[in-house]
């Protein structure tokens, strides 16, 4: 049985669990991407919870004017959906001029997630 023991930063950190034989396994990590663009219907900020397999588990998108969309493995709200390919490494995202990506902690993700779900 796994036991949750804390959080860190970076795709090699995140929310940790101790598995069999004491190995540390990354279960999830969190990502914030600021997207600088002029597209009216695209988000300007994206928050993602990323699983150990590299795929998004939950996502919040913030649009100009404050509108929020969200998605998880069972829901898509406000036009937001989970990615269909694994999340690329931070340096690959940041190599694109219009993006500024950084790892965030779980608390920062939850601060975006709660309001997206209507304050839950």
PDB file of N, CA and C in Angstrom:
ATOM      1  N   UNK A   1       0.843  -1.179   0.000  1.00  0.00           N
ATOM      2  CA  UNK A   1       0.000   0.000   0.000  1.00  0.00           C
ATOM      3  C   UNK A   1       0.885   1.238   0.000  1.00  0.00           C
ATOM      4  N   UNK A   2       0.523   2.255  -0.783  1.00  0.00           N
ATOM      5  CA  UNK A   2       1.282   3.491  -0.851  1.00  0.00           C
ATOM      6  C   UNK A   2       0.901   4.416   0.298  1.00  0.00           C
ATOM      7  N   UNK A   3       1.853   5.257   0.649  1.00  0.00           N
ATOM      8  CA  UNK A   3       1.620   6.250   1.691  1.00  0.00           C
ATOM      9  C   UNK A   3       2.076   7.594   1.150  1.00  0.00           C
ATOM     10  N   UNK A   4       1.188   8.599   1.145  1.00  0.00           N
ATOM     11  CA  UNK A   4       1.549   9.925   0.638  1.00  0.00           C
ATOM     12  C   UNK A   4       2.421  10.618   1.667  1.00  0.00           C
ATOM     13  N   UNK A   5       3.503  11.225   1.206  1.00  0.00           N
ATOM     14  CA  UNK A   5       4.447  11.801   2.159  1.00  0.00           C
ATOM     15  C   UNK A   5       4.799  13.258   1.910  1.00  0.00           C
ATOM     16  N   UNK A   6       4.245  13.912   0.900  1.00  0.00           N
ATOM     17  CA  UNK A   6       4.566  15.325   0.731  1.00  0.00           C
ATOM     18  C   UNK A   6       4.607  15.739  -0.712  1.00  0.00           C
ATOM     19  N   UNK A   7       5.172  16.930  -0.951  1.00  0.00           N
ATOM     20  CA  UNK A   7       5.218  17.483  -2.303  1.00  0.00           C
ATOM     21  C   UNK A   7       6.556  18.140  -2.544  1.00  0.00           C
ATOM     22  N   UNK A   8       6.917  18.285  -3.804  1.00  0.00           N
ATOM     23  CA  UNK A   8       8.147  18.946  -4.192  1.00  0.00           C
ATOM     24  C   UNK A   8       7.897  19.754  -5.449  1.00  0.00           C
ATOM     25  N   UNK A   9       8.935  19.980  -6.240  1.00  0.00           N
ATOM     26  CA  UNK A   9       8.791  20.762  -7.470  1.00  0.00           C
ATOM     27  C   UNK A   9       9.561  20.096  -8.590  1.00  0.00           C
ATOM     28  N   UNK A  10       9.109  20.294  -9.819  1.00  0.00           N
ATOM     29  CA  UNK A  10       9.768  19.728 -10.992  1.00  0.00           C
ATOM     30  C   UNK A  10       9.170  18.396 -11.360  1.00  0.00           C
ATOM     31  N   UNK A  11       9.192  18.034 -12.637  1.00  0.00           N
ATOM     32  CA  UNK A  11       8.621  16.764 -13.052  1.00  0.00           C
ATOM     33  C   UNK A  11       9.271  15.577 -12.360  1.00  0.00           C
ATOM     34  N   UNK A  12      10.446  15.759 -11.808  1.00  0.00           N
ATOM     35  CA  UNK A  12      11.065  14.685 -11.044  1.00  0.00           C
ATOM     36  C   UNK A  12      10.664  14.771  -9.584  1.00  0.00           C
ATOM     37  N   UNK A  13       9.942  15.805  -9.240  1.00  0.00           N
ATOM     38  CA  UNK A  13       9.383  15.941  -7.901  1.00  0.00           C
ATOM     39  C   UNK A  13       7.880  15.934  -8.061  1.00  0.00           C
ATOM     40  N   UNK A  14       7.129  16.507  -7.152  1.00  0.00           N
ATOM     41  CA  UNK A  14       5.687  16.519  -7.262  1.00  0.00           C
ATOM     42  C   UNK A  14       5.090  15.894  -6.026  1.00  0.00           C
ATOM     43  N   UNK A  15       3.990  15.202  -6.161  1.00  0.00           N
ATOM     44  CA  UNK A  15       3.408  14.491  -5.036  1.00  0.00           C
ATOM     45  C   UNK A  15       4.022  13.097  -5.016  1.00  0.00           C
ATOM     46  N   UNK A  16       4.614  12.763  -3.908  1.00  0.00           N
ATOM     47  CA  UNK A  16       5.403  11.543  -3.792  1.00  0.00           C
ATOM     48  C   UNK A  16       4.628  10.425  -3.109  1.00  0.00           C
ATOM     49  N   UNK A  17       4.972   9.211  -3.436  1.00  0.00           N
ATOM     50  CA  UNK A  17       4.468   8.041  -2.721  1.00  0.00           C
ATOM     51  C   UNK A  17       5.620   7.061  -2.569  1.00  0.00           C
ATOM     52  N   UNK A  18       5.627   6.351  -1.458  1.00  0.00           N
ATOM     53  CA  UNK A  18       6.584   5.276  -1.300  1.00  0.00           C
ATOM     54  C   UNK A  18       5.904   3.990  -1.739  1.00  0.00           C
ATOM     55  N   UNK A  19       6.496   3.307  -2.684  1.00  0.00           N
ATOM     56  CA  UNK A  19       5.946   2.060  -3.188  1.00  0.00           C
ATOM     57  C   UNK A  19       6.630   0.881  -2.529  1.00  0.00           C
ATOM     58  N   UNK A  20       6.543  -0.248  -3.166  1.00  0.00           N
ATOM     59  CA  UNK A  20       7.178  -1.450  -2.660  1.00  0.00           C
ATOM     60  C   UNK A  20       8.679  -1.276  -2.569  1.00  0.00           C
ATOM     61  N   UNK A  21       9.290  -1.864  -1.608  1.00  0.00           N
ATOM     62  CA  UNK A  21      10.741  -1.822  -1.390  1.00  0.00           C
ATOM     63  C   UNK A  21      11.264  -0.409  -1.175  1.00  0.00           C
ATOM     64  N   UNK A  22      10.405   0.516  -0.728  1.00  0.00           N
ATOM     65  CA  UNK A  22      10.850   1.849  -0.380  1.00  0.00           C
ATOM     66  C   UNK A  22      11.188   2.760  -1.539  1.00  0.00           C
ATOM     67  N   UNK A  23      10.895   2.361  -2.776  1.00  0.00           N
ATOM     68  CA  UNK A  23      11.172   3.224  -3.925  1.00  0.00           C
ATOM     69  C   UNK A  23      10.262   4.445  -3.893  1.00  0.00           C
ATOM     70  N   UNK A  24      10.815   5.602  -4.247  1.00  0.00           N
ATOM     71  CA  UNK A  24      10.023   6.819  -4.355  1.00  0.00           C
ATOM     72  C   UNK A  24       9.521   6.920  -5.788  1.00  0.00           C
ATOM     73  N   UNK A  25       8.223   7.108  -5.927  1.00  0.00           N
ATOM     74  CA  UNK A  25       7.596   7.171  -7.231  1.00  0.00           C
ATOM     75  C   UNK A  25       6.852   8.499  -7.343  1.00  0.00           C
ATOM     76  N   UNK A  26       7.034   9.216  -8.451  1.00  0.00           N
ATOM     77  CA  UNK A  26       6.282  10.440  -8.680  1.00  0.00           C
ATOM     78  C   UNK A  26       4.891  10.044  -9.160  1.00  0.00           C
ATOM     79  N   UNK A  27       3.889  10.505  -8.451  1.00  0.00           N
ATOM     80  CA  UNK A  27       2.524  10.169  -8.837  1.00  0.00           C
ATOM     81  C   UNK A  27       1.891  11.266  -9.672  1.00  0.00           C
ATOM     82  N   UNK A  28       2.067  12.508  -9.281  1.00  0.00           N
ATOM     83  CA  UNK A  28       1.556  13.634 -10.055  1.00  0.00           C
ATOM     84  C   UNK A  28       2.489  14.822  -9.901  1.00  0.00           C
ATOM     85  N   UNK A  29       2.423  15.720 -10.885  1.00  0.00           N
ATOM     86  CA  UNK A  29       3.076  17.019 -10.755  1.00  0.00           C
ATOM     87  C   UNK A  29       2.150  18.038 -11.382  1.00  0.00           C
ATOM     88  N   UNK A  30       2.418  19.310 -11.116  1.00  0.00           N
ATOM     89  CA  UNK A  30       1.503  20.375 -11.499  1.00  0.00           C
ATOM     90  C   UNK A  30       2.216  21.414 -12.348  1.00  0.00           C
ATOM     91  N   UNK A  31       1.487  21.959 -13.310  1.00  0.00           N
ATOM     92  CA  UNK A  31       2.050  22.833 -14.319  1.00  0.00           C
ATOM     93  C   UNK A  31       1.167  24.068 -14.490  1.00  0.00           C
ATOM     94  N   UNK A  32       1.810  25.216 -14.638  1.00  0.00           N
ATOM     95  CA  UNK A  32       1.114  26.459 -15.012  1.00  0.00           C
ATOM     96  C   UNK A  32       1.774  26.969 -16.279  1.00  0.00           C
ATOM     97  N   UNK A  33       0.951  27.293 -17.275  1.00  0.00           N
ATOM     98  CA  UNK A  33       1.454  27.849 -18.526  1.00  0.00           C
ATOM     99  C   UNK A  33       0.733  29.163 -18.793  1.00  0.00           C
ATOM    100  N   UNK A  34       1.507  30.234 -18.936  1.00  0.00           N
ATOM    101  CA  UNK A  34       0.960  31.513 -19.398  1.00  0.00           C
ATOM    102  C   UNK A  34       1.139  31.544 -20.909  1.00  0.00           C
ATOM    103  N   UNK A  35       0.064  31.890 -21.626  1.00  0.00           N
ATOM    104  CA  UNK A  35       0.090  31.878 -23.078  1.00  0.00           C
ATOM    105  C   UNK A  35      -0.193  33.289 -23.581  1.00  0.00           C
ATOM    106  N   UNK A  36       0.793  33.909 -24.182  1.00  0.00           N
ATOM    107  CA  UNK A  36       0.679  35.266 -24.699  1.00  0.00           C
ATOM    108  C   UNK A  36       0.250  35.201 -26.174  1.00  0.00           C
ATOM    109  N   UNK A  37      -0.951  35.665 -26.448  1.00  0.00           N
ATOM    110  CA  UNK A  37      -1.497  35.618 -27.806  1.00  0.00           C
ATOM    111  C   UNK A  37      -2.640  36.612 -27.929  1.00  0.00           C
ATOM    112  N   UNK A  38      -3.195  36.725 -29.117  1.00  0.00           N
ATOM    113  CA  UNK A  38      -4.307  37.640 -29.388  1.00  0.00           C
ATOM    114  C   UNK A  38      -5.593  36.907 -29.781  1.00  0.00           C
ATOM    115  N   UNK A  39      -5.653  35.592 -29.609  1.00  0.00           N
ATOM    116  CA  UNK A  39      -6.835  34.810 -29.984  1.00  0.00           C
ATOM    117  C   UNK A  39      -7.924  34.967 -28.922  1.00  0.00           C
ATOM    118  N   UNK A  40      -9.067  35.478 -29.313  1.00  0.00           N
ATOM    119  CA  UNK A  40     -10.134  35.768 -28.355  1.00  0.00           C
ATOM    120  C   UNK A  40     -10.685  34.519 -27.679  1.00  0.00           C
ATOM    121  N   UNK A  41     -10.703  33.398 -28.373  1.00  0.00           N
ATOM    122  CA  UNK A  41     -11.346  32.193 -27.843  1.00  0.00           C
ATOM    123  C   UNK A  41     -10.374  31.185 -27.218  1.00  0.00           C
ATOM    124  N   UNK A  42      -9.132  31.561 -27.044  1.00  0.00           N
ATOM    125  CA  UNK A  42      -8.138  30.657 -26.453  1.00  0.00           C
ATOM    126  C   UNK A  42      -7.761  31.122 -25.053  1.00  0.00           C
ATOM    127  N   UNK A  43      -7.383  30.189 -24.171  1.00  0.00           N
ATOM    128  CA  UNK A  43      -7.025  30.580 -22.802  1.00  0.00           C
ATOM    129  C   UNK A  43      -5.710  31.360 -22.761  1.00  0.00           C
ATOM    130  N   UNK A  44      -5.576  32.163 -21.723  1.00  0.00           N
ATOM    131  CA  UNK A  44      -4.329  32.897 -21.502  1.00  0.00           C
ATOM    132  C   UNK A  44      -3.506  32.270 -20.379  1.00  0.00           C
ATOM    133  N   UNK A  45      -4.128  31.359 -19.639  1.00  0.00           N
ATOM    134  CA  UNK A  45      -3.429  30.667 -18.553  1.00  0.00           C
ATOM    135  C   UNK A  45      -4.002  29.257 -18.433  1.00  0.00           C
ATOM    136  N   UNK A  46      -3.104  28.297 -18.276  1.00  0.00           N
ATOM    137  CA  UNK A  46      -3.506  26.894 -18.193  1.00  0.00           C
ATOM    138  C   UNK A  46      -2.836  26.264 -16.972  1.00  0.00           C
ATOM    139  N   UNK A  47      -3.632  25.581 -16.161  1.00  0.00           N
ATOM    140  CA  UNK A  47      -3.135  24.844 -15.010  1.00  0.00           C
ATOM    141  C   UNK A  47      -3.419  23.364 -15.255  1.00  0.00           C
ATOM    142  N   UNK A  48      -2.412  22.514 -15.096  1.00  0.00           N
ATOM    143  CA  UNK A  48      -2.607  21.080 -15.336  1.00  0.00           C
ATOM    144  C   UNK A  48      -2.073  20.251 -14.180  1.00  0.00           C
ATOM    145  N   UNK A  49      -2.805  19.203 -13.855  1.00  0.00           N
ATOM    146  CA  UNK A  49      -2.315  18.146 -12.976  1.00  0.00           C
ATOM    147  C   UNK A  49      -1.891  17.021 -13.908  1.00  0.00           C
ATOM    148  N   UNK A  50      -0.637  16.611 -13.822  1.00  0.00           N
ATOM    149  CA  UNK A  50      -0.075  15.644 -14.762  1.00  0.00           C
ATOM    150  C   UNK A  50       0.276  14.368 -14.006  1.00  0.00           C
ATOM    151  N   UNK A  51      -0.191  13.238 -14.514  1.00  0.00           N
ATOM    152  CA  UNK A  51       0.081  11.952 -13.888  1.00  0.00           C
ATOM    153  C   UNK A  51       1.475  11.444 -14.207  1.00  0.00           C
ATOM    154  N   UNK A  52       1.878  10.394 -13.529  1.00  0.00           N
ATOM    155  CA  UNK A  52       3.200   9.787 -13.730  1.00  0.00           C
ATOM    156  C   UNK A  52       3.396   9.323 -15.172  1.00  0.00           C
ATOM    157  N   UNK A  53       2.301   9.068 -15.877  1.00  0.00           N
ATOM    158  CA  UNK A  53       2.387   8.645 -17.282  1.00  0.00           C
ATOM    159  C   UNK A  53       2.562   9.819 -18.235  1.00  0.00           C
ATOM    160  N   UNK A  54       2.554  11.057 -17.703  1.00  0.00           N
ATOM    161  CA  UNK A  54       2.748  12.243 -18.520  1.00  0.00           C
ATOM    162  C   UNK A  54       1.473  12.850 -19.068  1.00  0.00           C
ATOM    163  N   UNK A  55       0.334  12.214 -18.841  1.00  0.00           N
ATOM    164  CA  UNK A  55      -0.937  12.721 -19.342  1.00  0.00           C
ATOM    165  C   UNK A  55      -1.633  13.589 -18.282  1.00  0.00           C
ATOM    166  N   UNK A  56      -2.371  14.596 -18.772  1.00  0.00           N
ATOM    167  CA  UNK A  56      -3.144  15.438 -17.867  1.00  0.00           C
ATOM    168  C   UNK A  56      -4.231  14.611 -17.189  1.00  0.00           C
ATOM    169  N   UNK A  57      -4.425  14.873 -15.897  1.00  0.00           N
ATOM    170  CA  UNK A  57      -5.506  14.260 -15.124  1.00  0.00           C
ATOM    171  C   UNK A  57      -6.629  15.260 -14.875  1.00  0.00           C
ATOM    172  N   UNK A  58      -6.216  16.512 -14.629  1.00  0.00           N
ATOM    173  CA  UNK A  58      -7.171  17.608 -14.439  1.00  0.00           C
ATOM    174  C   UNK A  58      -6.562  18.853 -15.082  1.00  0.00           C
ATOM    175  N   UNK A  59      -7.441  19.758 -15.536  1.00  0.00           N
ATOM    176  CA  UNK A  59      -6.962  20.982 -16.181  1.00  0.00           C
ATOM    177  C   UNK A  59      -7.938  22.116 -15.920  1.00  0.00           C
ATOM    178  N   UNK A  60      -7.382  23.314 -15.735  1.00  0.00           N
ATOM    179  CA  UNK A  60      -8.163  24.549 -15.656  1.00  0.00           C
ATOM    180  C   UNK A  60      -7.602  25.498 -16.704  1.00  0.00           C
ATOM    181  N   UNK A  61      -8.494  26.123 -17.458  1.00  0.00           N
ATOM    182  CA  UNK A  61      -8.087  27.152 -18.404  1.00  0.00           C
ATOM    183  C   UNK A  61      -8.749  28.467 -18.012  1.00  0.00           C
ATOM    184  N   UNK A  62      -7.942  29.523 -17.949  1.00  0.00           N
ATOM    185  CA  UNK A  62      -8.440  30.865 -17.638  1.00  0.00           C
ATOM    186  C   UNK A  62      -8.383  31.682 -18.922  1.00  0.00           C
ATOM    187  N   UNK A  63      -9.509  32.310 -19.251  1.00  0.00           N
ATOM    188  CA  UNK A  63      -9.633  33.099 -20.466  1.00  0.00           C
ATOM    189  C   UNK A  63      -9.643  34.583 -20.131  1.00  0.00           C
ATOM    190  N   UNK A  64      -9.401  35.405 -21.139  1.00  0.00           N
ATOM    191  CA  UNK A  64      -9.528  36.857 -20.951  1.00  0.00           C
ATOM    192  C   UNK A  64     -10.913  37.149 -20.381  1.00  0.00           C
ATOM    193  N   UNK A  65     -10.990  38.081 -19.508  1.00  0.00           N
ATOM    194  CA  UNK A  65     -12.268  38.413 -18.893  1.00  0.00           C
ATOM    195  C   UNK A  65     -12.584  37.551 -17.687  1.00  0.00           C
ATOM    196  N   UNK A  66     -11.737  36.566 -17.386  1.00  0.00           N
ATOM    197  CA  UNK A  66     -11.918  35.764 -16.177  1.00  0.00           C
ATOM    198  C   UNK A  66     -12.691  34.481 -16.315  1.00  0.00           C
ATOM    199  N   UNK A  67     -13.253  34.208 -17.486  1.00  0.00           N
ATOM    200  CA  UNK A  67     -13.996  32.955 -17.665  1.00  0.00           C
ATOM    201  C   UNK A  67     -13.065  31.769 -17.435  1.00  0.00           C
ATOM    202  N   UNK A  68     -13.591  30.719 -16.769  1.00  0.00           N
ATOM    203  CA  UNK A  68     -12.815  29.512 -16.484  1.00  0.00           C
ATOM    204  C   UNK A  68     -13.459  28.310 -17.155  1.00  0.00           C
ATOM    205  N   UNK A  69     -12.643  27.434 -17.700  1.00  0.00           N
ATOM    206  CA  UNK A  69     -13.075  26.128 -18.180  1.00  0.00           C
ATOM    207  C   UNK A  69     -12.298  25.081 -17.413  1.00  0.00           C
ATOM    208  N   UNK A  70     -12.833  23.880 -17.325  1.00  0.00           N
ATOM    209  CA  UNK A  70     -12.115  22.821 -16.617  1.00  0.00           C
ATOM    210  C   UNK A  70     -12.435  21.460 -17.216  1.00  0.00           C
ATOM    211  N   UNK A  71     -11.542  20.526 -16.943  1.00  0.00           N
ATOM    212  CA  UNK A  71     -11.747  19.146 -17.398  1.00  0.00           C
ATOM    213  C   UNK A  71     -11.073  18.205 -16.417  1.00  0.00           C
ATOM    214  N   UNK A  72     -11.656  17.032 -16.301  1.00  0.00           N
ATOM    215  CA  UNK A  72     -11.002  15.918 -15.627  1.00  0.00           C
ATOM    216  C   UNK A  72     -11.257  14.687 -16.487  1.00  0.00           C
ATOM    217  N   UNK A  73     -10.987  13.515 -15.967  1.00  0.00           N
ATOM    218  CA  UNK A  73     -11.101  12.313 -16.790  1.00  0.00           C
ATOM    219  C   UNK A  73     -12.545  11.964 -17.151  1.00  0.00           C
ATOM    220  N   UNK A  74     -13.531  12.637 -16.505  1.00  0.00           N
ATOM    221  CA  UNK A  74     -14.934  12.344 -16.794  1.00  0.00           C
ATOM    222  C   UNK A  74     -15.726  13.544 -17.296  1.00  0.00           C
ATOM    223  N   UNK A  75     -15.148  14.754 -17.211  1.00  0.00           N
ATOM    224  CA  UNK A  75     -15.904  15.961 -17.542  1.00  0.00           C
ATOM    225  C   UNK A  75     -15.092  16.907 -18.416  1.00  0.00           C
ATOM    226  N   UNK A  76     -15.795  17.650 -19.270  1.00  0.00           N
ATOM    227  CA  UNK A  76     -15.231  18.758 -20.044  1.00  0.00           C
ATOM    228  C   UNK A  76     -16.221  19.905 -19.943  1.00  0.00           C
ATOM    229  N   UNK A  77     -15.772  21.026 -19.384  1.00  0.00           N
ATOM    230  CA  UNK A  77     -16.657  22.154 -19.125  1.00  0.00           C
ATOM    231  C   UNK A  77     -16.047  23.422 -19.717  1.00  0.00           C
ATOM    232  N   UNK A  78     -16.879  24.222 -20.369  1.00  0.00           N
ATOM    233  CA  UNK A  78     -16.427  25.499 -20.902  1.00  0.00           C
ATOM    234  C   UNK A  78     -15.475  25.382 -22.074  1.00  0.00           C
ATOM    235  N   UNK A  79     -15.561  24.269 -22.810  1.00  0.00           N
ATOM    236  CA  UNK A  79     -14.696  24.068 -23.965  1.00  0.00           C
ATOM    237  C   UNK A  79     -13.319  23.527 -23.644  1.00  0.00           C
ATOM    238  N   UNK A  80     -13.061  23.210 -22.391  1.00  0.00           N
ATOM    239  CA  UNK A  80     -11.755  22.701 -21.962  1.00  0.00           C
ATOM    240  C   UNK A  80     -11.763  21.181 -21.966  1.00  0.00           C
ATOM    241  N   UNK A  81     -10.711  20.590 -22.510  1.00  0.00           N
ATOM    242  CA  UNK A  81     -10.550  19.139 -22.507  1.00  0.00           C
ATOM    243  C   UNK A  81      -9.127  18.781 -22.144  1.00  0.00           C
ATOM    244  N   UNK A  82      -8.924  17.569 -21.714  1.00  0.00           N
ATOM    245  CA  UNK A  82      -7.578  17.089 -21.412  1.00  0.00           C
ATOM    246  C   UNK A  82      -6.820  16.837 -22.709  1.00  0.00           C
ATOM    247  N   UNK A  83      -5.501  16.991 -22.657  1.00  0.00           N
ATOM    248  CA  UNK A  83      -4.671  16.716 -23.820  1.00  0.00           C
ATOM    249  C   UNK A  83      -4.733  15.250 -24.210  1.00  0.00           C
ATOM    250  N   UNK A  84      -4.545  14.965 -25.486  1.00  0.00           N
ATOM    251  CA  UNK A  84      -4.602  13.583 -25.975  1.00  0.00           C
ATOM    252  C   UNK A  84      -3.204  12.982 -26.151  1.00  0.00           C
ATOM    253  N   UNK A  85      -2.183  13.785 -25.902  1.00  0.00           N
ATOM    254  CA  UNK A  85      -0.793  13.318 -25.934  1.00  0.00           C
ATOM    255  C   UNK A  85      -0.147  13.715 -24.609  1.00  0.00           C
ATOM    256  N   UNK A  86       0.943  13.067 -24.228  1.00  0.00           N
ATOM    257  CA  UNK A  86       1.613  13.444 -22.974  1.00  0.00           C
ATOM    258  C   UNK A  86       2.079  14.905 -22.995  1.00  0.00           C
ATOM    259  N   UNK A  87       2.108  15.512 -21.817  1.00  0.00           N
ATOM    260  CA  UNK A  87       2.596  16.880 -21.671  1.00  0.00           C
ATOM    261  C   UNK A  87       4.089  16.895 -21.987  1.00  0.00           C
ATOM    262  N   UNK A  88       4.533  17.807 -22.852  1.00  0.00           N
ATOM    263  CA  UNK A  88       5.964  17.862 -23.172  1.00  0.00           C
ATOM    264  C   UNK A  88       6.777  18.391 -21.987  1.00  0.00           C
ATOM    265  N   UNK A  89       8.086  18.180 -22.002  1.00  0.00           N
ATOM    266  CA  UNK A  89       8.936  18.713 -20.937  1.00  0.00           C
ATOM    267  C   UNK A  89       8.855  20.241 -20.887  1.00  0.00           C
ATOM    268  N   UNK A  90       9.097  20.808 -19.699  1.00  0.00           N
ATOM    269  CA  UNK A  90       9.020  22.260 -19.528  1.00  0.00           C
ATOM    270  C   UNK A  90       9.916  23.011 -20.510  1.00  0.00           C
ATOM    271  N   UNK A  91      11.136  22.517 -20.724  1.00  0.00           N
ATOM    272  CA  UNK A  91      12.038  23.240 -21.623  1.00  0.00           C
ATOM    273  C   UNK A  91      11.508  23.251 -23.053  1.00  0.00           C
ATOM    274  N   UNK A  92      10.799  22.218 -23.446  1.00  0.00           N
ATOM    275  CA  UNK A  92      10.207  22.181 -24.788  1.00  0.00           C
ATOM    276  C   UNK A  92       9.053  23.181 -24.905  1.00  0.00           C
ATOM    277  N   UNK A  93       8.241  23.276 -23.859  1.00  0.00           N
ATOM    278  CA  UNK A  93       7.149  24.261 -23.853  1.00  0.00           C
ATOM    279  C   UNK A  93       7.740  25.670 -23.887  1.00  0.00           C
ATOM    280  N   UNK A  94       8.728  25.909 -23.025  1.00  0.00           N
ATOM    281  CA  UNK A  94       9.321  27.245 -22.923  1.00  0.00           C
ATOM    282  C   UNK A  94      10.148  27.636 -24.141  1.00  0.00           C
ATOM    283  N   UNK A  95      10.483  26.694 -24.997  1.00  0.00           N
ATOM    284  CA  UNK A  95      11.216  27.012 -26.223  1.00  0.00           C
ATOM    285  C   UNK A  95      10.331  27.759 -27.225  1.00  0.00           C
ATOM    286  N   UNK A  96       9.021  27.712 -26.994  1.00  0.00           N
ATOM    287  CA  UNK A  96       8.079  28.443 -27.845  1.00  0.00           C
ATOM    288  C   UNK A  96       7.845  29.819 -27.223  1.00  0.00           C
ATOM    289  N   UNK A  97       8.133  30.841 -27.968  1.00  0.00           N
ATOM    290  CA  UNK A  97       8.154  32.218 -27.480  1.00  0.00           C
ATOM    291  C   UNK A  97       6.871  32.639 -26.769  1.00  0.00           C
ATOM    292  N   UNK A  98       5.732  32.137 -27.199  1.00  0.00           N
ATOM    293  CA  UNK A  98       4.466  32.592 -26.640  1.00  0.00           C
ATOM    294  C   UNK A  98       4.104  31.943 -25.303  1.00  0.00           C
ATOM    295  N   UNK A  99       4.879  30.949 -24.871  1.00  0.00           N
ATOM    296  CA  UNK A  99       4.574  30.244 -23.634  1.00  0.00           C
ATOM    297  C   UNK A  99       5.616  30.503 -22.555  1.00  0.00           C
ATOM    298  N   UNK A 100       5.118  30.606 -21.313  1.00  0.00           N
ATOM    299  CA  UNK A 100       5.986  30.609 -20.140  1.00  0.00           C
ATOM    300  C   UNK A 100       5.413  29.544 -19.207  1.00  0.00           C
ATOM    301  N   UNK A 101       6.118  28.424 -19.108  1.00  0.00           N
ATOM    302  CA  UNK A 101       5.650  27.295 -18.311  1.00  0.00           C
ATOM    303  C   UNK A 101       6.502  27.151 -17.067  1.00  0.00           C
ATOM    304  N   UNK A 102       5.854  26.778 -15.967  1.00  0.00           N
ATOM    305  CA  UNK A 102       6.587  26.516 -14.731  1.00  0.00           C
ATOM    306  C   UNK A 102       5.848  25.463 -13.929  1.00  0.00           C
ATOM    307  N   UNK A 103       6.616  24.749 -13.146  1.00  0.00           N
ATOM    308  CA  UNK A 103       6.013  23.789 -12.229  1.00  0.00           C
ATOM    309  C   UNK A 103       5.490  24.548 -11.028  1.00  0.00           C
ATOM    310  N   UNK A 104       4.316  24.146 -10.563  1.00  0.00           N
ATOM    311  CA  UNK A 104       3.710  24.738  -9.377  1.00  0.00           C
ATOM    312  C   UNK A 104       3.434  23.628  -8.382  1.00  0.00           C
ATOM    313  N   UNK A 105       3.079  23.995  -7.169  1.00  0.00           N
ATOM    314  CA  UNK A 105       2.744  22.960  -6.195  1.00  0.00           C
ATOM    315  C   UNK A 105       1.249  22.659  -6.236  1.00  0.00           C
ATOM    316  N   UNK A 106       0.875  21.605  -5.570  1.00  0.00           N
ATOM    317  CA  UNK A 106      -0.521  21.170  -5.575  1.00  0.00           C
ATOM    318  C   UNK A 106      -1.469  22.210  -5.016  1.00  0.00           C
ATOM    319  N   UNK A 107      -1.020  22.978  -4.024  1.00  0.00           N
ATOM    320  CA  UNK A 107      -1.882  24.010  -3.447  1.00  0.00           C
ATOM    321  C   UNK A 107      -2.230  25.081  -4.475  1.00  0.00           C
ATOM    322  N   UNK A 108      -1.246  25.495  -5.267  1.00  0.00           N
ATOM    323  CA  UNK A 108      -1.514  26.504  -6.288  1.00  0.00           C
ATOM    324  C   UNK A 108      -2.491  25.961  -7.332  1.00  0.00           C
ATOM    325  N   UNK A 109      -2.330  24.693  -7.704  1.00  0.00           N
ATOM    326  CA  UNK A 109      -3.281  24.098  -8.638  1.00  0.00           C
ATOM    327  C   UNK A 109      -4.690  24.106  -8.037  1.00  0.00           C
ATOM    328  N   UNK A 110      -4.805  23.690  -6.782  1.00  0.00           N
ATOM    329  CA  UNK A 110      -6.121  23.624  -6.143  1.00  0.00           C
ATOM    330  C   UNK A 110      -6.759  25.005  -6.027  1.00  0.00           C
ATOM    331  N   UNK A 111      -5.946  26.066  -5.912  1.00  0.00           N
ATOM    332  CA  UNK A 111      -6.480  27.427  -5.862  1.00  0.00           C
ATOM    333  C   UNK A 111      -7.129  27.811  -7.196  1.00  0.00           C
ATOM    334  N   UNK A 112      -6.684  27.226  -8.278  1.00  0.00           N
ATOM    335  CA  UNK A 112      -7.332  27.437  -9.584  1.00  0.00           C
ATOM    336  C   UNK A 112      -8.497  26.462  -9.773  1.00  0.00           C
ATOM    337  N   UNK A 113      -8.344  25.233  -9.318  1.00  0.00           N
ATOM    338  CA  UNK A 113      -9.348  24.191  -9.517  1.00  0.00           C
ATOM    339  C   UNK A 113     -10.662  24.518  -8.788  1.00  0.00           C
ATOM    340  N   UNK A 114     -10.570  24.910  -7.541  1.00  0.00           N
ATOM    341  CA  UNK A 114     -11.770  25.179  -6.747  1.00  0.00           C
ATOM    342  C   UNK A 114     -12.694  26.201  -7.402  1.00  0.00           C
ATOM    343  N   UNK A 115     -12.197  27.399  -7.734  1.00  0.00           N
ATOM    344  CA  UNK A 115     -13.062  28.389  -8.383  1.00  0.00           C
ATOM    345  C   UNK A 115     -13.598  27.914  -9.742  1.00  0.00           C
ATOM    346  N   UNK A 116     -12.815  27.138 -10.472  1.00  0.00           N
ATOM    347  CA  UNK A 116     -13.278  26.638 -11.770  1.00  0.00           C
ATOM    348  C   UNK A 116     -14.498  25.736 -11.606  1.00  0.00           C
ATOM    349  N   UNK A 117     -14.542  25.007 -10.491  1.00  0.00           N
ATOM    350  CA  UNK A 117     -15.684  24.139 -10.217  1.00  0.00           C
ATOM    351  C   UNK A 117     -16.827  24.874  -9.524  1.00  0.00           C
ATOM    352  N   UNK A 118     -16.716  26.167  -9.445  1.00  0.00           N
ATOM    353  CA  UNK A 118     -17.783  26.955  -8.822  1.00  0.00           C
ATOM    354  C   UNK A 118     -17.577  27.137  -7.339  1.00  0.00           C
ATOM    355  N   UNK A 119     -16.316  27.170  -6.913  1.00  0.00           N
ATOM    356  CA  UNK A 119     -16.025  27.422  -5.506  1.00  0.00           C
ATOM    357  C   UNK A 119     -16.003  26.190  -4.641  1.00  0.00           C
ATOM    358  N   UNK A 120     -16.075  25.007  -5.262  1.00  0.00           N
ATOM    359  CA  UNK A 120     -16.080  23.759  -4.478  1.00  0.00           C
ATOM    360  C   UNK A 120     -14.703  23.469  -3.931  1.00  0.00           C
TER     361      UNK A 120
END
